[in-house]
């Protein structure tokens, strides 16, 4: 999922339907999860970038 307010891609790990908020986790496993209400599905370039980040972190 892509956080459009920050321009970051993360793995969706939670959903608050009442508030329309999704919780995202960093793709490389470092750092903290974050919440956003501004998100969209990743496009093809975002998905490629996500695979690169995961590969560099040894998480693919």
N, C-alpha and C. Protein backbone atom coordinates (compact mmCIF):
# COMPACT_ATOMS: atom_id res chain seq x y z
N UNK A 1 0.85 -1.16 0.00
CA UNK A 1 0.00 0.00 0.00
C UNK A 1 0.91 1.24 0.00
N UNK A 2 0.47 2.29 -0.64
CA UNK A 2 1.28 3.52 -0.70
C UNK A 2 0.61 4.62 0.11
N UNK A 3 1.37 5.18 1.03
CA UNK A 3 0.94 6.35 1.81
C UNK A 3 1.17 7.57 0.92
N UNK A 4 0.11 8.14 0.42
CA UNK A 4 0.26 9.26 -0.52
C UNK A 4 0.65 10.56 0.17
N UNK A 5 0.43 10.66 1.48
CA UNK A 5 0.83 11.89 2.18
C UNK A 5 2.33 11.95 2.37
N UNK A 6 2.99 10.78 2.50
CA UNK A 6 4.44 10.73 2.70
C UNK A 6 5.19 10.24 1.48
N UNK A 7 4.46 9.64 0.53
CA UNK A 7 5.11 9.07 -0.64
C UNK A 7 5.86 7.79 -0.32
N UNK A 8 5.48 7.12 0.78
CA UNK A 8 6.16 5.89 1.20
C UNK A 8 5.30 4.68 0.92
N UNK A 9 5.95 3.57 0.62
CA UNK A 9 5.27 2.30 0.41
C UNK A 9 5.48 1.45 1.66
N UNK A 10 4.43 0.78 2.09
CA UNK A 10 4.52 -0.09 3.25
C UNK A 10 3.61 -1.30 3.10
N UNK A 11 3.79 -2.23 4.01
CA UNK A 11 2.94 -3.41 4.06
C UNK A 11 1.78 -3.12 4.99
N UNK A 12 0.56 -3.32 4.52
CA UNK A 12 -0.62 -3.08 5.35
C UNK A 12 -0.69 -4.15 6.44
N UNK A 13 -0.72 -3.71 7.69
CA UNK A 13 -0.78 -4.63 8.82
C UNK A 13 -1.99 -4.39 9.71
N UNK A 14 -2.76 -3.35 9.40
CA UNK A 14 -3.95 -3.06 10.19
C UNK A 14 -4.90 -2.15 9.45
N UNK A 15 -6.17 -2.23 9.84
CA UNK A 15 -7.20 -1.43 9.19
C UNK A 15 -8.21 -0.99 10.24
N UNK A 16 -8.49 0.29 10.28
CA UNK A 16 -9.54 0.85 11.13
C UNK A 16 -10.61 1.39 10.20
N UNK A 17 -11.59 0.55 9.88
CA UNK A 17 -12.63 0.92 8.93
C UNK A 17 -13.47 2.09 9.38
N UNK A 18 -13.66 2.22 10.69
CA UNK A 18 -14.47 3.32 11.22
C UNK A 18 -13.87 4.67 10.88
N UNK A 19 -12.54 4.75 10.96
CA UNK A 19 -11.84 6.01 10.68
C UNK A 19 -11.21 6.05 9.29
N UNK A 20 -11.29 4.96 8.55
CA UNK A 20 -10.68 4.90 7.23
C UNK A 20 -9.17 4.96 7.28
N UNK A 21 -8.60 4.41 8.35
CA UNK A 21 -7.16 4.49 8.56
C UNK A 21 -6.52 3.12 8.36
N UNK A 22 -5.38 3.09 7.70
CA UNK A 22 -4.62 1.86 7.52
C UNK A 22 -3.30 2.00 8.26
N UNK A 23 -2.83 0.90 8.86
CA UNK A 23 -1.53 0.87 9.51
C UNK A 23 -0.56 0.18 8.56
N UNK A 24 0.55 0.85 8.29
CA UNK A 24 1.56 0.33 7.38
C UNK A 24 2.85 0.05 8.15
N UNK A 25 3.54 -1.00 7.71
CA UNK A 25 4.84 -1.36 8.29
C UNK A 25 5.91 -1.14 7.23
N UNK A 26 7.11 -0.73 7.65
CA UNK A 26 8.19 -0.53 6.68
C UNK A 26 8.51 -1.83 5.93
N UNK A 27 8.77 -1.73 4.65
CA UNK A 27 9.04 -2.90 3.83
C UNK A 27 10.31 -3.64 4.24
N UNK A 28 11.30 -2.91 4.73
CA UNK A 28 12.58 -3.53 5.07
C UNK A 28 12.62 -4.05 6.50
N UNK A 29 11.52 -3.89 7.23
CA UNK A 29 11.45 -4.41 8.60
C UNK A 29 12.07 -3.51 9.65
N UNK A 30 12.64 -2.38 9.24
CA UNK A 30 13.23 -1.47 10.21
C UNK A 30 12.28 -0.30 10.47
N UNK A 31 12.39 0.29 11.61
CA UNK A 31 11.53 1.43 11.92
C UNK A 31 10.19 1.00 12.48
N UNK A 32 9.35 1.98 12.68
CA UNK A 32 8.06 1.75 13.32
C UNK A 32 6.94 1.77 12.30
N UNK A 33 5.86 1.07 12.66
CA UNK A 33 4.64 1.13 11.85
C UNK A 33 4.07 2.54 11.93
N UNK A 34 3.27 2.92 10.93
CA UNK A 34 2.64 4.23 10.96
C UNK A 34 1.22 4.14 10.43
N UNK A 35 0.41 5.08 10.83
CA UNK A 35 -1.00 5.15 10.41
C UNK A 35 -1.18 6.26 9.39
N UNK A 36 -2.09 6.02 8.45
CA UNK A 36 -2.41 7.04 7.46
C UNK A 36 -3.86 6.88 7.00
N UNK A 37 -4.44 7.98 6.64
CA UNK A 37 -5.78 7.95 6.02
C UNK A 37 -5.68 8.30 4.54
N UNK A 38 -4.47 8.58 4.09
CA UNK A 38 -4.24 8.94 2.68
C UNK A 38 -3.40 7.84 2.04
N UNK A 39 -4.06 6.95 1.32
CA UNK A 39 -3.36 5.80 0.75
C UNK A 39 -4.04 5.36 -0.54
N UNK A 40 -3.29 4.56 -1.28
CA UNK A 40 -3.81 3.99 -2.52
C UNK A 40 -3.04 2.70 -2.80
N UNK A 41 -3.60 1.83 -3.63
CA UNK A 41 -2.83 0.64 -4.02
C UNK A 41 -1.60 1.07 -4.81
N UNK A 42 -0.51 0.33 -4.67
CA UNK A 42 0.70 0.70 -5.40
C UNK A 42 0.55 0.46 -6.89
N UNK A 43 1.17 1.32 -7.69
CA UNK A 43 1.17 1.09 -9.14
C UNK A 43 2.35 0.18 -9.48
N UNK A 44 2.55 -0.06 -10.74
CA UNK A 44 3.59 -0.99 -11.18
C UNK A 44 4.99 -0.54 -10.74
N UNK A 45 5.27 0.73 -10.83
CA UNK A 45 6.58 1.26 -10.41
C UNK A 45 6.74 1.10 -8.90
N UNK A 46 5.68 1.38 -8.13
CA UNK A 46 5.73 1.20 -6.67
C UNK A 46 6.02 -0.25 -6.31
N UNK A 47 5.37 -1.19 -7.00
CA UNK A 47 5.58 -2.61 -6.72
C UNK A 47 7.02 -3.03 -7.02
N UNK A 48 7.57 -2.52 -8.10
CA UNK A 48 8.97 -2.81 -8.44
C UNK A 48 9.90 -2.24 -7.37
N UNK A 49 9.66 -1.03 -6.96
CA UNK A 49 10.46 -0.38 -5.92
C UNK A 49 10.38 -1.19 -4.61
N UNK A 50 9.17 -1.67 -4.28
CA UNK A 50 8.98 -2.47 -3.06
C UNK A 50 9.81 -3.76 -3.12
N UNK A 51 9.82 -4.39 -4.27
CA UNK A 51 10.62 -5.62 -4.42
C UNK A 51 12.10 -5.33 -4.24
N UNK A 52 12.57 -4.21 -4.74
CA UNK A 52 13.97 -3.83 -4.60
C UNK A 52 14.31 -3.60 -3.12
N UNK A 53 13.45 -2.88 -2.42
CA UNK A 53 13.68 -2.62 -0.99
C UNK A 53 13.73 -3.93 -0.21
N UNK A 54 12.79 -4.83 -0.48
CA UNK A 54 12.76 -6.11 0.22
C UNK A 54 14.00 -6.95 -0.11
N UNK A 55 14.42 -6.94 -1.36
CA UNK A 55 15.60 -7.71 -1.76
C UNK A 55 16.86 -7.19 -1.07
N UNK A 56 16.99 -5.89 -1.00
CA UNK A 56 18.15 -5.30 -0.32
C UNK A 56 18.16 -5.64 1.16
N UNK A 57 16.99 -5.79 1.75
CA UNK A 57 16.89 -6.12 3.17
C UNK A 57 16.91 -7.63 3.42
N UNK A 58 17.02 -8.42 2.33
CA UNK A 58 17.03 -9.87 2.47
C UNK A 58 15.69 -10.44 2.87
N UNK A 59 14.61 -9.75 2.50
CA UNK A 59 13.27 -10.17 2.91
C UNK A 59 12.42 -10.68 1.76
N UNK A 60 13.03 -10.95 0.63
CA UNK A 60 12.27 -11.45 -0.52
C UNK A 60 12.17 -12.93 -0.52
